[in-house]
Amino acid sequence: MRSVAMALQAIVLERPVFVREQSDGLYRVITYLTFKVLEEVVLATASSVVFSLLVYYLVRLQGSFFPVWIVFLVTQLVGVGELSQLFG
């Protein structure tokens, strides 16, 4: 499960490459940040499905799987939203 701290670490490690490519005029800051947030949303969705499936079946929860998944996905996306606000 990815966290906001891991995403921040990735951005910090990619900074030298970003600065070089941005100074060469390859893309703007907003393009980079949009892709990073989109990347985190995709990763959060995938990891939330896997984690929620494991919890749902191992704990033998009753009822629909969908609410369990939505709660966990929203929890992860709040972290992604905080990341985008930090750099936005």
N, C-alpha and C. Protein backbone atom coordinates (compact mmCIF):
# COMPACT_ATOMS: atom_id res chain seq x y z
N MET A 1 0.85 -1.18 0.00
CA MET A 1 0.00 0.00 0.00
C MET A 1 0.89 1.24 0.00
N ARG A 2 0.67 2.09 -0.95
CA ARG A 2 1.47 3.30 -1.07
C ARG A 2 0.92 4.39 -0.16
N SER A 3 1.82 5.21 0.32
CA SER A 3 1.39 6.31 1.16
C SER A 3 1.85 7.62 0.56
N VAL A 4 1.36 8.69 1.13
CA VAL A 4 1.76 10.01 0.66
C VAL A 4 3.26 10.21 0.85
N ALA A 5 3.81 9.66 1.93
CA ALA A 5 5.25 9.79 2.18
C ALA A 5 6.06 9.15 1.07
N MET A 6 5.60 8.01 0.57
CA MET A 6 6.31 7.34 -0.52
C MET A 6 6.22 8.16 -1.81
N ALA A 7 5.07 8.76 -2.04
CA ALA A 7 4.92 9.60 -3.24
C ALA A 7 5.81 10.84 -3.15
N LEU A 8 5.89 11.43 -1.96
CA LEU A 8 6.77 12.57 -1.77
C LEU A 8 8.23 12.18 -1.98
N GLN A 9 8.59 11.02 -1.51
CA GLN A 9 9.96 10.56 -1.69
C GLN A 9 10.27 10.38 -3.18
N ALA A 10 9.32 9.86 -3.95
CA ALA A 10 9.52 9.70 -5.38
C ALA A 10 9.72 11.05 -6.06
N ILE A 11 8.94 12.04 -5.65
CA ILE A 11 9.07 13.37 -6.25
C ILE A 11 10.43 13.97 -5.91
N VAL A 12 10.88 13.80 -4.69
CA VAL A 12 12.18 14.33 -4.29
C VAL A 12 13.30 13.65 -5.06
N LEU A 13 13.21 12.34 -5.22
CA LEU A 13 14.25 11.61 -5.95
C LEU A 13 14.26 11.96 -7.44
N GLU A 14 13.10 12.27 -8.00
CA GLU A 14 13.01 12.61 -9.42
C GLU A 14 13.31 14.08 -9.70
N ARG A 15 13.54 14.87 -8.68
CA ARG A 15 13.73 16.30 -8.85
C ARG A 15 14.86 16.67 -9.81
N PRO A 16 16.06 16.08 -9.70
CA PRO A 16 17.12 16.46 -10.65
C PRO A 16 16.74 16.22 -12.11
N VAL A 17 16.09 15.11 -12.38
CA VAL A 17 15.65 14.81 -13.74
C VAL A 17 14.58 15.81 -14.17
N PHE A 18 13.65 16.09 -13.26
CA PHE A 18 12.58 17.05 -13.58
C PHE A 18 13.15 18.43 -13.90
N VAL A 19 14.07 18.90 -13.08
CA VAL A 19 14.66 20.23 -13.29
C VAL A 19 15.37 20.28 -14.64
N ARG A 20 16.14 19.26 -14.96
CA ARG A 20 16.85 19.23 -16.24
C ARG A 20 15.88 19.22 -17.41
N GLU A 21 14.86 18.37 -17.35
CA GLU A 21 13.91 18.28 -18.46
C GLU A 21 13.04 19.52 -18.57
N GLN A 22 12.71 20.12 -17.44
CA GLN A 22 11.90 21.34 -17.47
C GLN A 22 12.71 22.50 -18.03
N SER A 23 13.99 22.58 -17.67
CA SER A 23 14.84 23.66 -18.20
C SER A 23 15.10 23.48 -19.70
N ASP A 24 15.05 22.24 -20.19
CA ASP A 24 15.18 21.98 -21.63
C ASP A 24 13.89 22.26 -22.38
N GLY A 25 12.83 22.56 -21.64
CA GLY A 25 11.56 22.90 -22.27
C GLY A 25 10.73 21.70 -22.69
N LEU A 26 10.96 20.54 -22.09
CA LEU A 26 10.22 19.35 -22.48
C LEU A 26 8.78 19.37 -21.97
N TYR A 27 8.55 19.90 -20.78
CA TYR A 27 7.20 20.02 -20.26
C TYR A 27 7.16 21.05 -19.14
N ARG A 28 5.93 21.45 -18.80
CA ARG A 28 5.75 22.45 -17.74
C ARG A 28 5.51 21.75 -16.41
N VAL A 29 5.57 22.53 -15.35
CA VAL A 29 5.38 22.00 -14.00
C VAL A 29 3.99 21.38 -13.84
N ILE A 30 2.97 22.04 -14.35
CA ILE A 30 1.60 21.54 -14.21
C ILE A 30 1.43 20.19 -14.89
N THR A 31 2.12 19.99 -16.01
CA THR A 31 2.06 18.71 -16.71
C THR A 31 2.65 17.60 -15.85
N TYR A 32 3.78 17.87 -15.25
CA TYR A 32 4.44 16.89 -14.39
C TYR A 32 3.57 16.55 -13.18
N LEU A 33 3.06 17.57 -12.51
CA LEU A 33 2.24 17.33 -11.32
C LEU A 33 0.93 16.62 -11.65
N THR A 34 0.33 16.96 -12.78
CA THR A 34 -0.90 16.28 -13.19
C THR A 34 -0.64 14.80 -13.41
N PHE A 35 0.46 14.47 -14.08
CA PHE A 35 0.78 13.07 -14.30
C PHE A 35 1.08 12.36 -12.99
N LYS A 36 1.80 13.00 -12.08
CA LYS A 36 2.12 12.36 -10.80
C LYS A 36 0.85 12.07 -9.99
N VAL A 37 -0.10 13.01 -9.98
CA VAL A 37 -1.35 12.78 -9.26
C VAL A 37 -2.15 11.67 -9.94
N LEU A 38 -2.20 11.68 -11.27
CA LEU A 38 -2.89 10.62 -12.00
C LEU A 38 -2.25 9.26 -11.73
N GLU A 39 -0.94 9.22 -11.70
CA GLU A 39 -0.23 7.99 -11.39
C GLU A 39 -0.59 7.48 -9.99
N GLU A 40 -0.64 8.38 -9.03
CA GLU A 40 -0.98 7.98 -7.66
C GLU A 40 -2.43 7.50 -7.56
N VAL A 41 -3.34 8.11 -8.32
CA VAL A 41 -4.74 7.67 -8.30
C VAL A 41 -4.85 6.25 -8.85
N VAL A 42 -4.15 5.97 -9.94
CA VAL A 42 -4.17 4.62 -10.52
C VAL A 42 -3.59 3.61 -9.54
N LEU A 43 -2.45 3.94 -8.93
CA LEU A 43 -1.84 3.04 -7.96
C LEU A 43 -2.71 2.85 -6.73
N ALA A 44 -3.35 3.92 -6.27
CA ALA A 44 -4.23 3.82 -5.11
C ALA A 44 -5.44 2.94 -5.42
N THR A 45 -5.99 3.07 -6.62
CA THR A 45 -7.13 2.25 -7.01
C THR A 45 -6.75 0.78 -7.06
N ALA A 46 -5.64 0.48 -7.70
CA ALA A 46 -5.20 -0.92 -7.82
C ALA A 46 -4.90 -1.53 -6.45
N SER A 47 -4.16 -0.81 -5.63
CA SER A 47 -3.81 -1.36 -4.32
C SER A 47 -5.03 -1.47 -3.41
N SER A 48 -6.00 -0.55 -3.55
CA SER A 48 -7.18 -0.64 -2.71
C SER A 48 -8.04 -1.84 -3.09
N VAL A 49 -8.08 -2.19 -4.37
CA VAL A 49 -8.84 -3.37 -4.77
C VAL A 49 -8.21 -4.62 -4.17
N VAL A 50 -6.89 -4.74 -4.30
CA VAL A 50 -6.20 -5.92 -3.77
C VAL A 50 -6.37 -6.02 -2.25
N PHE A 51 -6.10 -4.93 -1.56
CA PHE A 51 -6.20 -4.93 -0.10
C PHE A 51 -7.62 -5.21 0.37
N SER A 52 -8.59 -4.57 -0.27
CA SER A 52 -9.99 -4.76 0.13
C SER A 52 -10.46 -6.18 -0.12
N LEU A 53 -10.03 -6.78 -1.23
CA LEU A 53 -10.38 -8.17 -1.50
C LEU A 53 -9.81 -9.10 -0.44
N LEU A 54 -8.55 -8.87 -0.08
CA LEU A 54 -7.94 -9.68 0.96
C LEU A 54 -8.69 -9.55 2.28
N VAL A 55 -8.96 -8.34 2.69
CA VAL A 55 -9.67 -8.12 3.95
C VAL A 55 -11.07 -8.72 3.89
N TYR A 56 -11.78 -8.48 2.81
CA TYR A 56 -13.16 -8.94 2.67
C TYR A 56 -13.26 -10.45 2.81
N TYR A 57 -12.38 -11.18 2.12
CA TYR A 57 -12.48 -12.64 2.14
C TYR A 57 -11.79 -13.28 3.34
N LEU A 58 -10.70 -12.72 3.81
CA LEU A 58 -10.01 -13.31 4.95
C LEU A 58 -10.76 -13.09 6.27
N VAL A 59 -11.42 -11.94 6.38
CA VAL A 59 -12.20 -11.66 7.59
C VAL A 59 -13.62 -12.24 7.46
N ARG A 60 -13.96 -12.65 6.25
CA ARG A 60 -15.28 -13.22 5.95
C ARG A 60 -16.40 -12.23 6.25
N LEU A 61 -16.25 -11.05 5.70
CA LEU A 61 -17.27 -10.03 5.88
C LEU A 61 -18.53 -10.42 5.14
N GLN A 62 -19.66 -10.03 5.67
CA GLN A 62 -20.95 -10.32 5.07
C GLN A 62 -21.41 -9.09 4.28
N GLY A 63 -22.23 -9.30 3.29
CA GLY A 63 -22.76 -8.19 2.52
C GLY A 63 -21.94 -7.93 1.27
N SER A 64 -22.10 -6.74 0.74
CA SER A 64 -21.47 -6.38 -0.52
C SER A 64 -20.01 -5.97 -0.33
N PHE A 65 -19.20 -6.32 -1.32
CA PHE A 65 -17.79 -5.94 -1.32
C PHE A 65 -17.62 -4.45 -1.62
N PHE A 66 -18.51 -3.89 -2.42
CA PHE A 66 -18.38 -2.52 -2.92
C PHE A 66 -18.19 -1.47 -1.82
N PRO A 67 -18.99 -1.45 -0.75
CA PRO A 67 -18.77 -0.43 0.30
C PRO A 67 -17.40 -0.54 0.97
N VAL A 68 -16.93 -1.76 1.16
CA VAL A 68 -15.61 -1.96 1.77
C VAL A 68 -14.54 -1.33 0.88
N TRP A 69 -14.64 -1.60 -0.42
CA TRP A 69 -13.66 -1.08 -1.37
C TRP A 69 -13.73 0.45 -1.46
N ILE A 70 -14.93 0.99 -1.53
CA ILE A 70 -15.09 2.45 -1.65
C ILE A 70 -14.50 3.17 -0.44
N VAL A 71 -14.74 2.66 0.75
CA VAL A 71 -14.22 3.31 1.96
C VAL A 71 -12.69 3.33 1.92
N PHE A 72 -12.09 2.21 1.57
CA PHE A 72 -10.63 2.16 1.52
C PHE A 72 -10.08 3.02 0.39
N LEU A 73 -10.73 3.02 -0.77
CA LEU A 73 -10.28 3.85 -1.89
C LEU A 73 -10.35 5.33 -1.54
N VAL A 74 -11.43 5.76 -0.94
CA VAL A 74 -11.57 7.17 -0.55
C VAL A 74 -10.50 7.56 0.46
N THR A 75 -10.21 6.65 1.38
CA THR A 75 -9.15 6.92 2.36
C THR A 75 -7.81 7.15 1.67
N GLN A 76 -7.49 6.33 0.69
CA GLN A 76 -6.23 6.50 -0.03
C GLN A 76 -6.25 7.75 -0.90
N LEU A 77 -7.38 8.05 -1.53
CA LEU A 77 -7.43 9.21 -2.41
C LEU A 77 -7.36 10.52 -1.63
N VAL A 78 -7.78 10.51 -0.37
CA VAL A 78 -7.61 11.70 0.47
C VAL A 78 -6.11 12.00 0.60
N GLY A 79 -5.31 10.95 0.75
CA GLY A 79 -3.86 11.13 0.80
C GLY A 79 -3.31 11.69 -0.50
N VAL A 80 -3.82 11.21 -1.63
CA VAL A 80 -3.39 11.74 -2.93
C VAL A 80 -3.80 13.20 -3.07
N GLY A 81 -5.00 13.52 -2.58
CA GLY A 81 -5.46 14.92 -2.61
C GLY A 81 -4.59 15.82 -1.77
N GLU A 82 -4.15 15.31 -0.62
CA GLU A 82 -3.25 16.09 0.22
C GLU A 82 -1.91 16.32 -0.50
N LEU A 83 -1.45 15.32 -1.22
CA LEU A 83 -0.21 15.46 -1.99
C LEU A 83 -0.35 16.53 -3.06
N SER A 84 -1.49 16.53 -3.77
CA SER A 84 -1.66 17.54 -4.82
C SER A 84 -1.81 18.94 -4.23
N GLN A 85 -2.42 19.07 -3.05
CA GLN A 85 -2.53 20.37 -2.39
C GLN A 85 -1.17 20.88 -1.92
N LEU A 86 -0.32 19.96 -1.55
CA LEU A 86 1.01 20.33 -1.07
C LEU A 86 1.82 21.00 -2.17
N PHE A 87 1.68 20.50 -3.40
CA PHE A 87 2.45 21.04 -4.51
C PHE A 87 1.63 21.96 -5.40
N GLY A 88 0.35 22.11 -5.12
CA GLY A 88 -0.53 22.89 -6.00
C GLY A 88 -0.55 24.31 -5.67
